[in-house]
Protein backbone atom coordinates (compact mmCIF):
# COMPACT_ATOMS: atom_id res chain seq x y z
CA LEU A 1 37.60 -182.01 -78.90
CA PRO A 2 36.95 -185.71 -79.28
CA TYR A 3 40.21 -186.53 -81.07
CA VAL A 4 42.50 -184.85 -78.54
CA THR A 5 43.40 -186.57 -75.33
CA TYR A 6 44.16 -184.47 -72.35
CA GLU A 7 46.46 -185.67 -69.62
CA GLU A 8 46.12 -184.33 -66.17
CA PRO A 9 49.34 -182.93 -64.80
CA LYS A 10 50.89 -185.28 -62.29
CA ALA A 11 51.26 -183.67 -58.95
CA GLU A 12 54.59 -184.34 -57.34
CA LEU A 13 54.42 -185.32 -53.74
CA PRO A 14 56.74 -183.45 -51.42
CA LYS A 15 59.83 -185.44 -50.53
CA GLN A 16 59.57 -186.95 -47.11
CA GLU A 17 62.57 -187.39 -44.92
CA THR A 18 63.15 -190.92 -43.78
CA PRO A 19 62.71 -190.95 -40.04
CA LYS A 20 65.85 -191.94 -38.18
CA PRO A 21 65.42 -194.91 -35.89
CA GLN A 22 65.43 -193.72 -32.32
CA THR A 23 67.12 -195.76 -29.67
CA LYS A 24 65.25 -195.79 -26.41
CA SER A 25 67.40 -195.05 -23.39
CA VAL A 26 67.00 -195.58 -19.66
CA VAL A 27 69.30 -193.70 -17.29
CA ALA A 28 69.80 -194.36 -13.58
CA THR A 29 68.23 -191.94 -11.13
CA GLY A 30 71.36 -192.05 -8.95
CA ALA A 31 74.64 -190.33 -9.75
CA ALA A 32 78.25 -191.51 -9.64
CA HIS A 33 80.33 -189.84 -6.93
CA TYR A 34 83.89 -190.74 -7.90
CA PHE A 35 86.15 -190.99 -10.94
CA ASP A 36 89.14 -193.25 -11.55
CA SER A 37 90.47 -193.43 -15.11
CA SER A 38 91.98 -196.87 -14.43
CA LEU A 39 88.44 -198.27 -14.12
CA ALA A 40 87.51 -197.16 -17.64
CA GLY A 41 87.10 -199.98 -20.13
CA THR A 42 84.93 -202.88 -21.22
CA TYR A 43 83.78 -205.39 -18.62
CA THR A 44 82.09 -208.79 -18.93
CA VAL A 45 79.29 -209.93 -16.63
CA THR A 46 80.67 -212.93 -14.68
CA GLU A 47 77.58 -213.96 -12.71
CA LYS A 48 76.26 -217.22 -14.21
CA ILE A 49 72.66 -216.27 -13.49
CA GLY A 50 73.10 -212.75 -14.84
CA LEU A 51 73.23 -209.46 -13.01
CA TYR A 52 70.83 -206.60 -12.44
CA MET A 53 71.80 -203.09 -13.43
CA ARG A 54 70.51 -200.74 -10.76
CA HIS A 55 69.50 -197.10 -10.37
CA GLY A 56 72.14 -196.53 -7.69
CA ALA A 57 75.02 -198.18 -5.84
CA GLY A 58 73.85 -201.05 -3.66
CA TYR A 59 71.73 -204.18 -3.85
CA LEU A 60 68.75 -202.40 -2.30
CA LYS A 61 68.52 -199.83 -5.11
CA LYS A 62 65.79 -200.22 -7.71
CA LYS A 63 66.51 -202.71 -10.52
CA MET A 64 66.66 -201.47 -14.11
CA VAL A 65 67.33 -204.54 -16.25
CA ALA A 66 68.82 -208.03 -15.90
CA ILE A 67 71.98 -208.42 -17.99
CA PRO A 68 72.82 -212.06 -18.85
CA TRP A 69 76.15 -213.75 -18.12
CA GLY A 70 78.85 -213.02 -20.69
CA TYR A 71 77.47 -209.67 -21.90
CA LYS A 72 79.84 -206.75 -22.11
CA VAL A 73 79.26 -203.35 -20.50
CA GLN A 74 81.23 -200.12 -20.93
CA CYS A 75 82.58 -198.09 -18.01
CA TYR A 76 84.04 -194.61 -18.47
CA GLY A 77 85.71 -194.51 -15.05
CA TYR A 78 82.82 -193.28 -12.91
CA TYR A 79 81.64 -195.17 -9.84
CA SER A 80 80.05 -194.96 -6.40
CA LYS A 81 80.55 -196.92 -3.20
CA ALA A 82 78.07 -198.89 -1.11
CA LEU A 83 79.20 -200.60 2.08
CA GLY A 84 82.83 -200.29 0.93
CA ALA A 85 82.23 -201.97 -2.46
CA LYS A 86 82.68 -200.18 -5.77
CA TRP A 87 79.68 -199.97 -8.07
CA LEU A 88 80.63 -198.98 -11.60
CA TYR A 89 78.49 -196.57 -13.58
CA VAL A 90 78.21 -198.52 -16.84
CA GLN A 91 76.39 -198.44 -20.16
CA ILE A 92 75.06 -201.18 -22.42
CA THR A 93 72.68 -201.42 -25.36
CA TYR A 94 70.59 -204.49 -24.73
CA MET A 95 67.60 -205.58 -26.83
CA GLY A 96 67.49 -202.21 -28.61
CA VAL A 97 67.54 -200.11 -25.44
CA THR A 98 70.57 -198.21 -24.10
CA TYR A 99 70.82 -198.55 -20.33
CA THR A 100 73.11 -196.49 -18.10
CA GLY A 101 73.29 -197.54 -14.47
CA PHE A 102 75.25 -199.23 -11.70
CA MET A 103 76.71 -202.73 -11.46
CA PRO A 104 79.03 -204.12 -8.74
CA LEU A 105 82.69 -204.33 -9.73
CA GLU A 106 82.99 -207.69 -7.95
CA CYS A 107 80.62 -209.25 -10.53
CA LEU A 108 82.42 -207.86 -13.60
CA ARG A 109 85.71 -208.82 -15.28
CA LYS A 110 87.78 -206.36 -17.33
């Protein structure tokens, strides 16, 4: 009929869940061999030029990421030894990525 207007039913779109932002993570290939609860805590990088987090204990292990001076890392008490030095198994979220790896205790301050 010319004097009646017909409206098309509006289709409702299914509700979409908002995707949760995913944090990328990189985890060391090496494993910690010891535990000492007194080592647990927050540490600050004391090397003026920064410090590499590594995949295992020791300066010859593969580098993961360079952490600048003054940044804080979290240790839960796990560590390994390399040539008699303690390498803490630490975690940090840096530039949107969570890294878990090894850093030398001698270059960190609690």
